[in-house]
Amino acid sequence: MTPSDSTLDSCQRDVDYQFKDPELLRLALRHASVSGDRLKSNERLEFLGDSVLGLVICHELYLRFPNYLEGELTKIKSMMVSRRTCGRLADQFGLSGSLSVGKGMSAQNKLPNSCSAAVLESVIGAIFVDGGLEPARQFIMTLFQPLFDKADARQPQENYKSMLQQHAQRLMDCTPVYEVLDEKGPDHSKCFEVGVVIGKRRFASAWGPSKKEAEQTAAFSTLQQLEVIPSEE
């Protein structure tokens, strides 16, 4: 089954972009499960769209937060381009419902989040191929504007320990313990290495200019290792 003309028309209204070549959008909405040839599915456009999305997000973060270091910018980007976020946005904009999938997947009550995220990226890729970077950027900014308005690496960073504690208590029946493993530097400018222990598991340690910041960074890394927060690919 391939996306119908009415589906393409509806999708173009949803994304507020009129394709010069509608076949690009049709391809973006065709999952590999309905195509005998994966080259005729949306996988290549997804690959391209993922990079276009990352470029636009990184550029906007660079402009918005001139005083943030690379690590802080990376944390915001990781959360904004995560599969969970992209899947949720695809659902909100109706893109998930426009995706043509095979019978096995269509029988499910809800499209897997990975597929929802993938169709968002493939549509971004299709817009980029059809119209260039500017219309792709406009579409991305329309979707992600509310997230940019809320984005602040230093604010959510304060919540990583809380996020980890809730996750560990709910799913691992343990409370995280933070251990100071090392410290370096003179008294007026020390750096601390802190590690996280949950039950019998030890997780990667992290350095910070204070014990508090090192704990937050270690909690963030642990959340990534536990796949609660996506890691940078």
Protein backbone atom coordinates (compact mmCIF):
# COMPACT_ATOMS: atom_id res chain seq x y z
CA MET A 1 0.00 0.00 0.00
CA THR A 2 1.33 3.44 -0.92
CA PRO A 3 0.23 6.82 0.48
CA SER A 4 -2.79 8.15 -1.43
CA ASP A 5 -3.07 11.58 -3.02
CA SER A 6 -5.51 12.62 -0.29
CA THR A 7 -2.96 11.59 2.34
CA LEU A 8 -0.31 13.67 0.60
CA ASP A 9 -2.65 16.68 0.47
CA SER A 10 -3.48 16.33 4.15
CA CYS A 11 0.16 15.92 5.10
CA GLN A 12 1.20 19.01 3.12
CA ARG A 13 -1.41 21.04 4.98
CA ASP A 14 -0.18 19.68 8.30
CA VAL A 15 3.45 20.56 7.61
CA ASP A 16 2.54 23.82 5.85
CA TYR A 17 4.73 23.06 2.87
CA GLN A 18 3.69 22.43 -0.74
CA PHE A 19 5.98 20.00 -2.51
CA LYS A 20 7.15 20.74 -6.02
CA ASP A 21 7.67 16.98 -6.36
CA PRO A 22 4.93 15.23 -4.33
CA GLU A 23 6.56 11.87 -5.01
CA LEU A 24 9.25 12.82 -2.51
CA LEU A 25 6.60 13.13 0.18
CA ARG A 26 5.00 9.88 -0.95
CA LEU A 27 8.39 8.20 -0.52
CA ALA A 28 8.85 9.80 2.92
CA LEU A 29 5.55 8.28 4.04
CA ARG A 30 6.32 4.74 2.84
CA HIS A 31 7.68 2.42 5.51
CA ALA A 32 10.00 -0.42 4.53
CA SER A 33 7.34 -2.93 5.65
CA VAL A 34 5.18 -2.04 2.62
CA SER A 35 7.99 -1.95 0.09
CA GLY A 36 9.63 -4.98 -1.46
CA ASP A 37 12.67 -2.83 -2.14
CA ARG A 38 14.05 -0.86 0.81
CA LEU A 39 15.45 1.68 -1.63
CA LYS A 40 11.82 2.53 -2.35
CA SER A 41 11.06 3.13 1.34
CA ASN A 42 11.67 6.22 3.47
CA GLU A 43 14.93 4.95 4.99
CA ARG A 44 17.29 7.04 2.87
CA LEU A 45 15.25 10.20 3.49
CA GLU A 46 15.24 9.38 7.20
CA PHE A 47 19.04 9.18 7.11
CA LEU A 48 19.25 12.59 5.45
CA GLY A 49 16.57 14.19 7.60
CA ASP A 50 18.31 13.12 10.78
CA SER A 51 21.39 15.13 9.79
CA VAL A 52 19.36 18.15 8.67
CA LEU A 53 17.48 18.12 11.97
CA GLY A 54 20.72 17.93 13.93
CA LEU A 55 22.23 20.81 11.96
CA VAL A 56 19.26 23.11 12.48
CA ILE A 57 18.95 22.29 16.17
CA CYS A 58 22.68 22.77 16.80
CA HIS A 59 22.76 26.06 14.90
CA GLU A 60 19.80 27.44 16.84
CA LEU A 61 21.26 26.35 20.18
CA TYR A 62 24.58 27.94 19.23
CA LEU A 63 22.82 31.25 18.56
CA ARG A 64 20.51 31.15 21.57
CA PHE A 65 23.05 30.21 24.22
CA PRO A 66 26.29 32.10 23.48
CA ASN A 67 27.59 31.48 27.01
CA TYR A 68 27.07 27.71 27.05
CA LEU A 69 29.94 25.30 26.61
CA GLU A 70 29.86 22.37 24.20
CA GLY A 71 28.81 19.93 26.91
CA GLU A 72 25.80 22.00 27.93
CA LEU A 73 24.70 22.42 24.32
CA THR A 74 25.09 18.68 23.77
CA LYS A 75 22.79 17.90 26.69
CA ILE A 76 20.00 20.07 25.29
CA LYS A 77 20.45 18.67 21.80
CA SER A 78 20.33 15.09 23.09
CA MET A 79 16.96 15.68 24.69
CA MET A 80 15.51 17.64 21.77
CA VAL A 81 16.38 15.18 19.00
CA SER A 82 15.67 12.04 21.03
CA ARG A 83 13.43 9.36 19.55
CA ARG A 84 10.91 10.06 22.27
CA THR A 85 10.69 13.76 21.45
CA CYS A 86 10.61 13.29 17.68
CA GLY A 87 7.99 10.56 17.98
CA ARG A 88 5.78 12.76 20.14
CA LEU A 89 6.06 15.67 17.68
CA ALA A 90 5.26 13.37 14.76
CA ASP A 91 2.12 12.24 16.59
CA GLN A 92 1.10 15.82 17.35
CA PHE A 93 1.46 16.90 13.72
CA GLY A 94 -0.40 13.88 12.39
CA LEU A 95 2.61 12.48 10.54
CA SER A 96 2.43 9.14 12.31
CA GLY A 97 -1.07 8.54 10.98
CA SER A 98 0.04 9.37 7.43
CA LEU A 99 2.75 6.69 7.34
CA SER A 100 1.96 3.63 5.22
CA VAL A 101 3.00 0.46 7.04
CA GLY A 102 2.64 -3.29 6.51
CA LYS A 103 -0.26 -5.35 7.81
CA GLY A 104 1.62 -6.57 10.86
CA MET A 105 2.35 -3.04 12.03
CA SER A 106 -1.03 -1.60 11.04
CA ALA A 107 -2.68 -4.16 13.34
CA GLN A 108 -0.99 -2.55 16.34
CA ASN A 109 -2.95 -0.04 18.39
CA LYS A 110 -0.19 2.52 18.21
CA LEU A 111 2.72 3.01 15.86
CA PRO A 112 6.06 2.26 17.58
CA ASN A 113 7.79 5.42 18.73
CA SER A 114 10.83 4.65 16.58
CA CYS A 115 8.62 4.64 13.45
CA SER A 116 6.95 7.90 14.43
CA ALA A 117 10.35 9.52 14.93
CA ALA A 118 11.59 8.08 11.65
CA VAL A 119 8.70 9.50 9.60
CA LEU A 120 9.36 12.94 11.06
CA GLU A 121 13.00 12.71 9.96
CA SER A 122 12.08 11.38 6.53
CA VAL A 123 9.63 14.25 5.95
CA ILE A 124 12.36 16.70 6.98
CA GLY A 125 14.67 15.00 4.49
CA ALA A 126 12.03 15.21 1.76
CA ILE A 127 11.46 18.93 2.36
CA PHE A 128 15.22 19.50 2.25
CA VAL A 129 15.59 17.67 -1.08
CA ASP A 130 12.53 19.39 -2.55
CA GLY A 131 13.11 22.95 -1.40
CA GLY A 132 16.50 23.25 0.27
CA LEU A 133 17.60 24.09 3.78
CA GLU A 134 15.43 27.14 4.46
CA PRO A 135 12.00 25.48 4.18
CA ALA A 136 13.34 22.50 6.14
CA ARG A 137 14.60 24.89 8.81
CA GLN A 138 11.24 26.67 8.95
CA PHE A 139 9.41 23.38 9.41
CA ILE A 140 11.81 22.25 12.14
CA MET A 141 11.54 25.56 13.97
CA THR A 142 7.74 25.41 13.85
CA LEU A 143 7.84 21.98 15.49
CA PHE A 144 10.59 22.65 17.98
CA GLN A 145 9.93 26.30 18.87
CA PRO A 146 8.17 25.47 22.16
CA LEU A 147 11.08 23.23 23.15
CA PHE A 148 13.60 25.93 22.33
CA ASP A 149 11.65 28.38 24.47
CA LYS A 150 11.92 25.99 27.42
CA ALA A 151 15.45 24.79 26.73
CA ASP A 152 18.03 25.55 29.36
CA ALA A 153 20.87 23.16 30.03
CA ARG A 154 21.41 24.50 33.53
CA GLN A 155 17.81 24.20 34.65
CA PRO A 156 17.10 20.58 33.67
CA GLN A 157 20.57 19.62 34.83
CA GLU A 158 19.38 20.26 38.38
CA ASN A 159 16.78 17.52 37.90
CA TYR A 160 19.05 14.68 36.76
CA LYS A 161 19.64 13.38 40.29
CA SER A 162 15.92 13.47 40.95
CA MET A 163 15.19 11.72 37.63
CA LEU A 164 17.73 9.01 38.42
CA GLN A 165 16.42 8.51 41.94
CA GLN A 166 12.84 8.11 40.72
CA HIS A 167 13.93 5.67 38.01
CA ALA A 168 16.13 3.61 40.33
CA GLN A 169 13.54 3.38 43.09
CA ARG A 170 10.72 2.51 40.70
CA LEU A 171 12.47 -0.01 38.44
CA MET A 172 15.58 -1.13 40.34
CA ASP A 173 14.27 -0.99 43.92
CA CYS A 174 17.40 0.92 44.97
CA THR A 175 18.46 4.45 45.77
CA PRO A 176 21.53 5.86 43.96
CA VAL A 177 24.61 6.49 46.06
CA TYR A 178 27.20 9.09 45.00
CA GLU A 179 30.83 8.46 45.89
CA VAL A 180 33.67 10.97 45.63
CA LEU A 181 36.42 9.02 43.88
CA ASP A 182 39.07 11.70 43.41
CA GLU A 183 39.78 15.41 43.60
CA LYS A 184 42.39 17.56 41.95
CA GLY A 185 43.62 21.13 41.98
CA PRO A 186 44.35 23.76 44.61
CA ASP A 187 41.82 24.52 47.36
CA HIS A 188 40.47 27.57 45.55
CA SER A 189 39.92 25.67 42.29
CA LYS A 190 39.27 22.01 42.97
CA CYS A 191 37.67 19.51 40.63
CA PHE A 192 35.88 16.42 41.89
CA GLU A 193 35.30 13.00 40.40
CA VAL A 194 32.03 11.40 41.48
CA GLY A 195 30.73 7.94 40.69
CA VAL A 196 27.21 6.51 40.93
CA VAL A 197 26.41 3.20 42.60
CA ILE A 198 22.95 1.63 42.37
CA GLY A 199 22.70 -1.61 44.28
CA LYS A 200 25.68 -3.67 43.16
CA ARG A 201 26.14 -1.79 39.87
CA ARG A 202 28.75 0.89 39.39
CA PHE A 203 28.32 3.42 36.62
CA ALA A 204 30.71 5.76 34.84
CA SER A 205 32.12 8.55 36.94
CA ALA A 206 32.15 12.25 36.04
CA TRP A 207 34.21 15.30 36.90
CA GLY A 208 32.90 18.70 37.96
CA PRO A 209 34.09 21.97 39.50
CA SER A 210 32.03 21.14 42.61
CA LYS A 211 30.72 17.95 44.16
CA LYS A 212 27.16 19.02 43.31
CA GLU A 213 27.91 19.57 39.63
CA ALA A 214 29.92 16.35 39.41
CA GLU A 215 26.98 14.46 40.91
CA GLN A 216 24.59 15.99 38.38
CA THR A 217 26.87 15.11 35.46
CA ALA A 218 27.34 11.58 36.79
CA ALA A 219 23.57 11.22 37.16
CA PHE A 220 23.11 12.42 33.57
CA SER A 221 25.66 9.88 32.30
CA THR A 222 24.00 7.12 34.29
CA LEU A 223 20.58 8.02 32.85
CA GLN A 224 22.12 7.72 29.39
CA GLN A 225 23.68 4.36 30.24
CA LEU A 226 20.28 3.15 31.49
CA GLU A 227 18.74 4.51 28.25
CA VAL A 228 16.40 6.83 30.13
CA ILE A 229 18.01 9.72 28.26
CA PRO A 230 19.33 9.04 24.75
CA SER A 231 23.07 8.99 24.21
CA GLU A 232 24.68 10.92 21.37
CA GLU A 233 25.12 8.57 18.44
